């Protein structure tokens, strides 16, 4: 597994910390509070920054959402995501937590209380703040829409044109191109960098006049979001995190991202037509509802939206993403495949 811990702090983190220390100061002393699990609504009025914008600054995590499926499980067929609540949702979350703790025992915390695990930030009913049984809220059936004919054709081409293995399998591996960008410690892409994983689930929101910045723990990404109407970058300039512009709709921060790089476009979407719209809505003193609409008419037959809560927790700071396995282990995995081929050739020659 990629290492998160290191004796030093990454250069990017140092630069960001130095640049935004003054802006982050208003958060000192804030204490997270519980919020009920319910359909997200802008019922909480956040404080204002000195320049008048809603103050969303803080360190957030979605590690409490680990194991939440993107699509509606078959056991809930015909039901809305908001219908699964109360004791039923408590049981779903308990099963999810047990599975997450089994996959990675360190997530459970420890008996001394020195390490805060998945049990943290649960309300009196044992439910994680704002959690739900699946993520997709539109379409109503909770499923990713069908691919367009062109997207299906391209998917078939990718499947027939070669293979891409994972570093979590035994290969075979022919070159570095047989590994994903995530395996190679380059990027998890957008919005994947903000989706819950087995680790690296912390985020820091920092604000300044005319700007919002989001630091992602996963693969040390940073997105700087202008809040004005400046022109977008040319369409020939793409990046793994895209080109973003934001604005406020009441207390909700709305961010529209385009210019995603083809190599990391979400779910093999078309970077020429992919548009991702995020909404960050404060629903309590310690919870932001993060709602994401994926709009790419050349890949899916209709736009689709998923949503999950981000929980403010100063005990989950953004750590350095000291990912080196992709740099060093690749040599070993490639040489291992060559050794397997040599062994197979020698065995075949003996017959």
Protein backbone atom coordinates (compact mmCIF):
# COMPACT_ATOMS: atom_id res chain seq x y z
CA UNK A 1 0.00 0.00 0.00
CA UNK A 2 1.19 3.53 -0.69
CA UNK A 3 2.68 5.22 2.35
CA UNK A 4 1.01 8.31 3.77
CA UNK A 5 3.52 9.00 6.52
CA UNK A 6 6.95 10.56 6.24
CA UNK A 7 9.40 12.35 8.52
CA UNK A 8 9.06 15.55 6.52
CA UNK A 9 6.30 17.53 4.91
CA UNK A 10 5.94 17.62 1.12
CA UNK A 11 7.07 20.75 -0.69
CA UNK A 12 3.56 21.43 -1.97
CA UNK A 13 2.10 21.22 1.51
CA UNK A 14 4.76 23.60 2.83
CA UNK A 15 4.05 26.14 0.13
CA UNK A 16 0.30 25.95 0.61
CA UNK A 17 0.57 26.10 4.39
CA UNK A 18 2.76 29.18 4.30
CA UNK A 19 0.56 30.91 1.76
CA UNK A 20 -2.76 30.28 3.47
CA UNK A 21 -1.94 30.27 7.16
CA UNK A 22 -3.49 33.69 7.65
CA UNK A 23 -6.66 32.74 5.79
CA UNK A 24 -7.10 29.51 7.74
CA UNK A 25 -6.78 31.26 11.11
CA UNK A 26 -10.53 31.99 11.56
CA UNK A 27 -11.15 28.23 11.92
CA UNK A 28 -9.14 27.85 15.09
CA UNK A 29 -11.19 26.64 18.02
CA UNK A 30 -14.18 25.45 16.02
CA UNK A 31 -15.78 22.34 17.49
CA UNK A 32 -17.58 19.83 15.21
CA UNK A 33 -21.17 19.01 16.12
CA UNK A 34 -23.48 16.16 15.17
CA UNK A 35 -25.99 16.31 12.34
CA UNK A 36 -28.94 14.01 11.63
CA UNK A 37 -28.99 11.76 8.60
CA UNK A 38 -31.54 13.31 6.24
CA UNK A 39 -31.95 14.63 2.73
CA UNK A 40 -29.44 17.48 2.39
CA UNK A 41 -30.88 20.93 2.82
CA UNK A 42 -29.30 24.33 3.32
CA UNK A 43 -30.62 24.64 6.86
CA UNK A 44 -27.35 25.82 8.35
CA UNK A 45 -26.14 29.38 7.89
CA UNK A 46 -22.34 29.44 7.96
CA UNK A 47 -20.25 32.30 9.29
CA UNK A 48 -18.84 34.82 6.84
CA UNK A 49 -15.26 35.47 5.87
CA UNK A 50 -13.93 39.01 6.49
CA UNK A 51 -14.72 39.79 2.82
CA UNK A 52 -18.30 38.50 3.09
CA UNK A 53 -18.32 35.03 1.47
CA UNK A 54 -19.78 31.99 3.30
CA UNK A 55 -16.93 30.52 5.34
CA UNK A 56 -16.46 26.86 4.37
CA UNK A 57 -12.82 26.70 5.44
CA UNK A 58 -11.62 23.69 7.34
CA UNK A 59 -10.29 20.16 7.18
CA UNK A 60 -12.84 17.60 6.02
CA UNK A 61 -12.90 13.85 5.54
CA UNK A 62 -15.19 11.35 3.84
CA UNK A 63 -13.52 8.27 5.33
CA UNK A 64 -16.78 7.58 7.16
CA UNK A 65 -18.33 6.88 3.75
CA UNK A 66 -15.92 4.08 2.87
CA UNK A 67 -17.79 1.16 1.39
CA UNK A 68 -20.75 3.22 0.18
CA UNK A 69 -21.54 1.94 -3.33
CA UNK A 70 -21.88 4.43 -6.16
CA UNK A 71 -25.02 2.74 -7.52
CA UNK A 72 -28.15 1.55 -5.71
CA UNK A 73 -27.77 -2.04 -4.47
CA UNK A 74 -30.35 -4.49 -5.79
CA UNK A 75 -31.70 -5.03 -2.28
CA UNK A 76 -33.12 -1.47 -2.41
CA UNK A 77 -34.68 -1.73 -5.87
CA UNK A 78 -37.60 0.64 -6.35
CA UNK A 79 -36.66 2.85 -3.41
CA UNK A 80 -35.28 6.36 -3.07
CA UNK A 81 -31.93 6.90 -1.36
CA UNK A 82 -33.70 9.09 1.18
CA UNK A 83 -36.15 6.29 2.05
CA UNK A 84 -33.39 4.17 3.59
CA UNK A 85 -33.13 5.75 7.03
CA UNK A 86 -33.47 5.10 10.75
CA UNK A 87 -32.71 1.62 12.06
CA UNK A 88 -32.43 0.21 8.56
CA UNK A 89 -29.68 2.68 7.62
CA UNK A 90 -27.97 2.09 10.97
CA UNK A 91 -27.74 -1.61 10.13
CA UNK A 92 -26.42 -0.87 6.63
CA UNK A 93 -23.72 1.41 8.06
CA UNK A 94 -22.77 -1.16 10.71
CA UNK A 95 -22.20 -3.79 8.01
CA UNK A 96 -20.23 -1.31 5.93
CA UNK A 97 -18.03 -0.35 8.90
CA UNK A 98 -17.31 -3.99 9.74
CA UNK A 99 -16.26 -4.65 6.15
CA UNK A 100 -14.04 -1.55 6.09
CA UNK A 101 -12.38 -2.49 9.38
CA UNK A 102 -11.76 -6.01 8.07
CA UNK A 103 -10.06 -4.65 4.96
CA UNK A 104 -7.91 -2.20 6.94
CA UNK A 105 -7.88 -2.77 10.71
CA UNK A 106 -6.10 0.54 11.34
CA UNK A 107 -9.31 2.33 10.33
CA UNK A 108 -11.06 1.07 13.44
CA UNK A 109 -8.89 3.15 15.79
CA UNK A 110 -7.47 1.70 18.99
CA UNK A 111 -8.81 1.01 22.51
CA UNK A 112 -6.72 3.79 24.05
CA UNK A 113 -8.50 6.42 22.00
CA UNK A 114 -5.22 7.83 20.70
CA UNK A 115 -6.17 6.96 17.12
CA UNK A 116 -9.61 8.05 16.03
CA UNK A 117 -11.26 5.46 13.82
CA UNK A 118 -14.49 4.95 11.96
CA UNK A 119 -16.54 5.10 15.16
CA UNK A 120 -15.84 8.82 15.52
CA UNK A 121 -18.49 11.43 14.75
CA UNK A 122 -21.46 9.11 15.15
CA UNK A 123 -24.69 10.43 16.56
CA UNK A 124 -26.62 8.85 19.40
CA UNK A 125 -28.26 6.39 17.01
CA UNK A 126 -24.86 5.11 15.88
CA UNK A 127 -25.18 6.63 12.42
CA UNK A 128 -22.43 8.49 10.67
CA UNK A 129 -23.32 12.10 9.96
CA UNK A 130 -25.32 12.37 6.77
CA UNK A 131 -24.47 8.87 5.53
CA UNK A 132 -26.67 6.99 3.10
CA UNK A 133 -26.96 3.58 1.47
CA UNK A 134 -25.62 4.60 -1.97
CA UNK A 135 -24.33 7.73 -3.71
CA UNK A 136 -26.26 8.32 -6.96
CA UNK A 137 -29.28 10.55 -6.39
CA UNK A 138 -30.14 11.14 -10.05
CA UNK A 139 -31.38 9.28 -12.08
CA UNK A 140 -33.95 8.16 -9.50
CA UNK A 141 -33.12 4.49 -10.12
CA UNK A 142 -29.69 5.10 -8.59
CA UNK A 143 -27.85 3.72 -11.61
CA UNK A 144 -25.24 5.22 -13.94
CA UNK A 145 -27.01 5.95 -17.25
CA UNK A 146 -26.34 3.81 -20.30
CA UNK A 147 -23.37 4.57 -22.52
CA UNK A 148 -23.97 6.14 -25.92
CA UNK A 149 -23.34 3.96 -29.00
CA UNK A 150 -20.06 5.80 -29.65
CA UNK A 151 -18.90 5.29 -26.05
CA UNK A 152 -19.73 1.58 -26.31
CA UNK A 153 -17.72 1.34 -29.52
CA UNK A 154 -14.71 3.00 -27.91
CA UNK A 155 -14.99 0.74 -24.87
CA UNK A 156 -14.92 -2.30 -27.14
CA UNK A 157 -11.83 -0.90 -28.91
CA UNK A 158 -10.05 -0.44 -25.60
CA UNK A 159 -10.91 -3.98 -24.56
CA UNK A 160 -9.64 -5.48 -27.80
CA UNK A 161 -6.64 -3.23 -28.29
CA UNK A 162 -4.60 -4.37 -25.34
CA UNK A 163 -4.69 -4.92 -21.63
CA UNK A 164 -4.14 -2.85 -18.56
CA UNK A 165 -3.35 -4.79 -15.42
CA UNK A 166 -3.35 -3.57 -11.85
CA UNK A 167 -0.48 -3.61 -9.42
CA UNK A 168 -2.81 -5.57 -7.14
CA UNK A 169 -2.79 -8.51 -9.58
CA UNK A 170 0.00 -10.77 -10.84
CA UNK A 171 0.05 -9.26 -14.31
CA UNK A 172 1.36 -10.02 -16.82
CA UNK A 173 3.06 -6.66 -17.26
CA UNK A 174 4.74 -5.68 -20.53
CA UNK A 175 5.52 -2.01 -19.85
CA UNK A 176 4.65 0.95 -17.67
CA UNK A 177 1.57 1.42 -19.85
CA UNK A 178 0.08 -1.71 -18.30
CA UNK A 179 -0.35 0.25 -15.05
CA UNK A 180 -2.88 2.95 -14.33
CA UNK A 181 -1.89 6.53 -13.45
CA UNK A 182 -3.01 5.74 -9.90
CA UNK A 183 -0.74 2.68 -9.74
CA UNK A 184 2.12 4.88 -10.91
CA UNK A 185 1.52 7.48 -8.16
CA UNK A 186 0.70 10.18 -10.73
CA UNK A 187 -2.97 10.96 -10.13
CA UNK A 188 -6.31 9.44 -9.24
CA UNK A 189 -7.98 12.01 -11.47
CA UNK A 190 -11.01 14.20 -10.85
CA UNK A 191 -13.43 13.75 -9.17
CA UNK A 192 -11.94 10.40 -8.08
CA UNK A 193 -9.40 12.19 -5.85
CA UNK A 194 -12.30 13.22 -3.61
CA UNK A 195 -14.14 9.90 -3.54
CA UNK A 196 -13.67 7.74 -0.44
CA UNK A 197 -10.90 5.15 -0.63
CA UNK A 198 -9.18 2.90 1.87
CA UNK A 199 -6.95 5.83 2.86
CA UNK A 200 -6.11 9.39 1.78
CA UNK A 201 -9.62 10.72 2.48
CA UNK A 202 -8.83 14.17 3.91
CA UNK A 203 -9.34 17.53 2.23
CA UNK A 204 -8.69 21.13 3.18
CA UNK A 205 -10.79 24.01 1.91
CA UNK A 206 -9.07 27.41 2.02
CA UNK A 207 -10.58 30.72 0.92
CA UNK A 208 -9.25 34.12 -0.10
CA UNK A 209 -10.93 37.11 -1.73
CA UNK A 210 -12.00 35.90 -5.17
CA UNK A 211 -10.63 32.38 -4.77
CA UNK A 212 -11.26 29.00 -3.14
CA UNK A 213 -8.56 26.32 -2.97
CA UNK A 214 -9.06 22.63 -2.20
CA UNK A 215 -6.15 20.45 -1.13
CA UNK A 216 -6.68 16.73 -1.72
CA UNK A 217 -4.73 14.24 0.35
CA UNK A 218 -5.01 11.62 -2.39
CA UNK A 219 -1.96 11.95 -4.65
CA UNK A 220 -1.20 15.47 -3.32
CA UNK A 221 -3.48 17.37 -5.71
CA UNK A 222 -4.53 21.02 -5.29
CA UNK A 223 -7.34 22.80 -7.13
CA UNK A 224 -7.38 26.62 -7.17
CA UNK A 225 -10.85 27.92 -8.12
CA UNK A 226 -11.30 31.54 -9.28
CA UNK A 227 -14.67 33.05 -8.36
CA UNK A 228 -14.79 35.59 -11.15
CA UNK A 229 -15.75 35.44 -14.83
CA UNK A 230 -12.24 35.31 -16.26
CA UNK A 231 -11.95 33.45 -19.58
CA UNK A 232 -11.36 29.72 -19.43
CA UNK A 233 -8.22 28.12 -20.72
CA UNK A 234 -8.11 27.06 -24.35
CA UNK A 235 -9.60 23.64 -25.02
CA UNK A 236 -6.17 22.35 -26.02
CA UNK A 237 -4.94 22.90 -22.45
CA UNK A 238 -6.13 19.97 -20.34
CA UNK A 239 -5.02 18.74 -16.93
CA UNK A 240 -5.80 15.87 -14.59
CA UNK A 241 -7.80 18.16 -12.28
CA UNK A 242 -9.24 20.35 -15.05
CA UNK A 243 -9.91 24.08 -15.31
CA UNK A 244 -12.43 25.25 -12.70
CA UNK A 245 -14.55 28.35 -12.13
CA UNK A 246 -16.76 28.91 -9.11
CA UNK A 247 -19.58 31.10 -7.90
CA UNK A 248 -21.96 31.32 -4.95
CA UNK A 249 -25.63 30.39 -5.05
CA UNK A 250 -26.70 31.53 -1.61
CA UNK A 251 -24.43 29.66 0.81
CA UNK A 252 -23.64 26.92 -1.74
CA UNK A 253 -20.32 26.99 -3.58
CA UNK A 254 -20.87 25.89 -7.19
CA UNK A 255 -17.80 24.81 -9.15
CA UNK A 256 -17.81 23.96 -12.86
CA UNK A 257 -14.80 22.08 -14.24
CA UNK A 258 -13.86 21.46 -17.86
CA UNK A 259 -10.59 20.85 -19.74
CA UNK A 260 -9.99 17.44 -18.17
CA UNK A 261 -7.05 15.50 -19.59
CA UNK A 262 -7.92 12.52 -21.74
CA UNK A 263 -5.50 10.21 -19.90
CA UNK A 264 -7.39 10.61 -16.61
CA UNK A 265 -10.92 11.58 -17.70
CA UNK A 266 -13.49 10.16 -15.28
CA UNK A 267 -14.73 6.71 -16.29
CA UNK A 268 -13.19 7.12 -19.75
CA UNK A 269 -15.40 10.11 -20.53
CA UNK A 270 -14.72 12.30 -23.57
CA UNK A 271 -12.50 15.18 -22.36
CA UNK A 272 -13.79 17.36 -25.21
CA UNK A 273 -17.36 17.30 -23.92
CA UNK A 274 -17.04 16.38 -20.24
CA UNK A 275 -18.36 18.98 -17.80
CA UNK A 276 -18.39 18.36 -14.03
CA UNK A 277 -20.42 20.57 -11.69
CA UNK A 278 -19.83 20.36 -7.93
CA UNK A 279 -22.00 21.88 -5.20
CA UNK A 280 -20.68 22.31 -1.66
CA UNK A 281 -23.67 22.99 0.61
CA UNK A 282 -23.24 23.48 4.38
CA UNK A 283 -25.91 21.45 6.17
CA UNK A 284 -24.62 21.73 9.76
CA UNK A 285 -21.65 23.23 11.62
CA UNK A 286 -19.47 20.27 10.64
CA UNK A 287 -20.96 18.82 7.44
CA UNK A 288 -20.80 19.88 3.79
CA UNK A 289 -22.97 18.08 1.29
CA UNK A 290 -20.80 17.43 -1.77
CA UNK A 291 -22.99 16.94 -4.84
CA UNK A 292 -21.43 16.19 -8.24
CA UNK A 293 -23.13 16.20 -11.63
CA UNK A 294 -21.36 14.41 -14.50
CA UNK A 295 -22.43 15.79 -17.86
CA UNK A 296 -20.96 14.32 -21.03
CA UNK A 297 -23.52 13.77 -23.81
CA UNK A 298 -21.01 11.91 -25.96
CA UNK A 299 -20.42 9.28 -23.26
CA UNK A 300 -23.70 8.88 -21.33
CA UNK A 301 -27.28 9.13 -22.54
CA UNK A 302 -28.08 11.69 -19.83
CA UNK A 303 -26.33 13.63 -17.03
CA UNK A 304 -26.10 11.91 -13.66
CA UNK A 305 -25.48 13.07 -10.09
CA UNK A 306 -24.01 11.56 -6.95
CA UNK A 307 -23.79 13.04 -3.48
CA UNK A 308 -22.14 12.34 -0.13
CA UNK A 309 -21.24 14.27 3.03
CA UNK A 310 -17.85 15.72 3.92
CA UNK A 311 -17.33 15.84 7.69
CA UNK A 312 -15.18 18.53 9.29
CA UNK A 313 -12.61 16.94 11.59
CA UNK A 314 -9.39 18.70 12.62
CA UNK A 315 -8.04 15.33 13.81
CA UNK A 316 -7.90 14.17 10.17
CA UNK A 317 -5.35 16.64 8.70
CA UNK A 318 -4.13 16.37 5.13
CA UNK A 319 -0.97 14.29 5.31
CA UNK A 320 1.88 14.08 2.82
CA UNK A 321 1.11 11.51 0.15
CA UNK A 322 4.51 9.82 0.11
CA UNK A 323 3.77 7.48 -2.77
CA UNK A 324 6.91 5.74 -4.04
CA UNK A 325 5.69 2.24 -4.81
CA UNK A 326 4.79 3.33 -8.33
CA UNK A 327 8.37 4.50 -8.83
CA UNK A 328 10.26 1.57 -7.34
CA UNK A 329 7.90 -1.41 -7.43
CA UNK A 330 7.26 -1.09 -11.15
CA UNK A 331 10.79 -2.31 -11.89
CA UNK A 332 10.20 -5.35 -9.71
CA UNK A 333 6.82 -6.14 -11.27
CA UNK A 334 8.16 -5.80 -14.82
CA UNK A 335 11.24 -7.90 -14.05
CA UNK A 336 8.98 -10.46 -12.36
CA UNK A 337 6.94 -10.81 -15.54
CA UNK A 338 10.14 -11.28 -17.57
CA UNK A 339 11.29 -13.95 -15.11
CA UNK A 340 7.95 -15.73 -15.45
CA UNK A 341 8.32 -15.68 -19.24
CA UNK A 342 11.86 -17.06 -19.03
CA UNK A 343 10.71 -19.85 -16.75
CA UNK A 344 7.82 -20.69 -19.08
CA UNK A 345 10.13 -20.69 -22.11
CA UNK A 346 12.66 -22.94 -20.39
CA UNK A 347 9.91 -25.31 -19.32
CA UNK A 348 8.54 -25.43 -22.84
CA UNK A 349 11.99 -26.16 -24.25
CA UNK A 350 12.45 -29.17 -21.97
CA UNK A 351 9.44 -30.97 -23.42
